[in-house]
């Protein structure tokens, strides 16, 4: 998981910074915004878990798995295109 130094939690309403991960600001109860210091990406708390699944900086242990899935998708696309091409050859 991401270390606290890689993710910054801020409130867009009252501009306060939270030390720990929370859903809402302790002061004004607005949803917090996260910022990944390493990648520069940010978003609402509700998108944080999606970021974690995709960020090489926050979850480097998943990089190999993400790369393998990407390669498998590319192979599948090439195979699909080859099937379409072969099918048109026989028309």
Protein backbone atom coordinates (compact mmCIF):
# COMPACT_ATOMS: atom_id res chain seq x y z
CA UNK A 1 0.00 0.00 0.00
CA UNK A 2 1.00 3.61 -0.36
CA UNK A 3 3.02 5.14 2.38
CA UNK A 4 1.69 8.30 3.96
CA UNK A 5 4.55 10.27 2.37
CA UNK A 6 3.29 9.37 -1.13
CA UNK A 7 -0.32 10.46 -0.62
CA UNK A 8 -1.37 13.89 0.62
CA UNK A 9 -4.92 14.45 1.91
CA UNK A 10 -6.41 17.95 1.59
CA UNK A 11 -9.79 19.59 2.00
CA UNK A 12 -10.82 21.66 -1.03
CA UNK A 13 -13.31 23.70 1.03
CA UNK A 14 -11.39 24.86 4.10
CA UNK A 15 -7.92 24.17 2.63
CA UNK A 16 -6.79 22.14 5.62
CA UNK A 17 -4.43 19.17 5.35
CA UNK A 18 -5.16 15.88 7.07
CA UNK A 19 -2.38 13.76 8.51
CA UNK A 20 -4.18 10.45 8.03
CA UNK A 21 -6.58 9.03 5.46
CA UNK A 22 -10.17 10.04 6.16
CA UNK A 23 -13.21 10.27 3.93
CA UNK A 24 -14.36 13.66 5.19
CA UNK A 25 -12.65 16.73 6.57
CA UNK A 26 -12.70 16.91 10.36
CA UNK A 27 -13.36 20.66 10.20
CA UNK A 28 -16.03 21.22 7.53
CA UNK A 29 -17.13 17.65 6.64
CA UNK A 30 -16.33 18.02 2.91
CA UNK A 31 -14.99 14.99 1.04
CA UNK A 32 -11.20 15.04 1.02
CA UNK A 33 -9.01 15.15 -2.05
CA UNK A 34 -5.95 12.92 -2.33
CA UNK A 35 -2.80 13.78 -4.23
CA UNK A 36 -0.21 11.20 -5.21
CA UNK A 37 3.04 13.09 -4.69
CA UNK A 38 5.02 10.77 -6.98
CA UNK A 39 2.68 10.79 -10.00
CA UNK A 40 1.05 14.17 -9.44
CA UNK A 41 -2.44 12.70 -9.89
CA UNK A 42 -5.28 13.64 -7.58
CA UNK A 43 -8.97 13.07 -7.04
CA UNK A 44 -11.78 12.71 -4.54
CA UNK A 45 -11.61 10.07 -1.85
CA UNK A 46 -14.17 8.02 -3.77
CA UNK A 47 -11.60 7.48 -6.58
CA UNK A 48 -8.66 6.68 -4.30
CA UNK A 49 -8.93 2.88 -4.49
CA UNK A 50 -9.07 2.96 -8.29
CA UNK A 51 -5.86 5.02 -8.26
CA UNK A 52 -4.16 2.54 -5.93
CA UNK A 53 -4.92 -0.33 -8.30
CA UNK A 54 -3.33 1.52 -11.22
CA UNK A 55 -0.46 3.54 -9.73
CA UNK A 56 3.04 2.12 -10.10
CA UNK A 57 4.33 4.45 -7.38
CA UNK A 58 1.72 3.58 -4.75
CA UNK A 59 1.62 -0.17 -5.39
CA UNK A 60 4.86 -1.19 -7.08
CA UNK A 61 4.25 -4.80 -6.04
CA UNK A 62 1.37 -4.91 -8.55
CA UNK A 63 3.40 -3.54 -11.48
CA UNK A 64 4.31 -6.98 -12.84
CA UNK A 65 0.67 -8.11 -12.70
CA UNK A 66 -0.51 -4.92 -14.45
CA UNK A 67 2.13 -5.36 -17.15
CA UNK A 68 1.13 -8.99 -17.72
CA UNK A 69 -2.55 -8.06 -18.04
CA UNK A 70 -1.66 -5.31 -20.51
CA UNK A 71 0.35 -7.75 -22.64
CA UNK A 72 -2.47 -10.32 -22.55
CA UNK A 73 -4.96 -7.68 -23.74
CA UNK A 74 -2.64 -6.68 -26.59
CA UNK A 75 -2.24 -10.32 -27.67
CA UNK A 76 -6.01 -10.80 -27.55
CA UNK A 77 -6.56 -7.72 -29.74
CA UNK A 78 -4.02 -8.95 -32.29
CA UNK A 79 -5.69 -12.37 -32.35
CA UNK A 80 -9.12 -10.77 -32.84
CA UNK A 81 -7.80 -8.67 -35.72
CA UNK A 82 -6.20 -11.75 -37.28
CA UNK A 83 -9.52 -13.61 -37.11
CA UNK A 84 -11.30 -10.69 -38.77
CA UNK A 85 -8.63 -10.44 -41.45
CA UNK A 86 -8.72 -14.21 -42.14
CA UNK A 87 -12.52 -14.08 -42.33
CA UNK A 88 -12.42 -11.35 -44.99
CA UNK A 89 -9.89 -13.31 -47.02
CA UNK A 90 -12.45 -16.08 -47.53
CA UNK A 91 -15.24 -13.80 -48.81
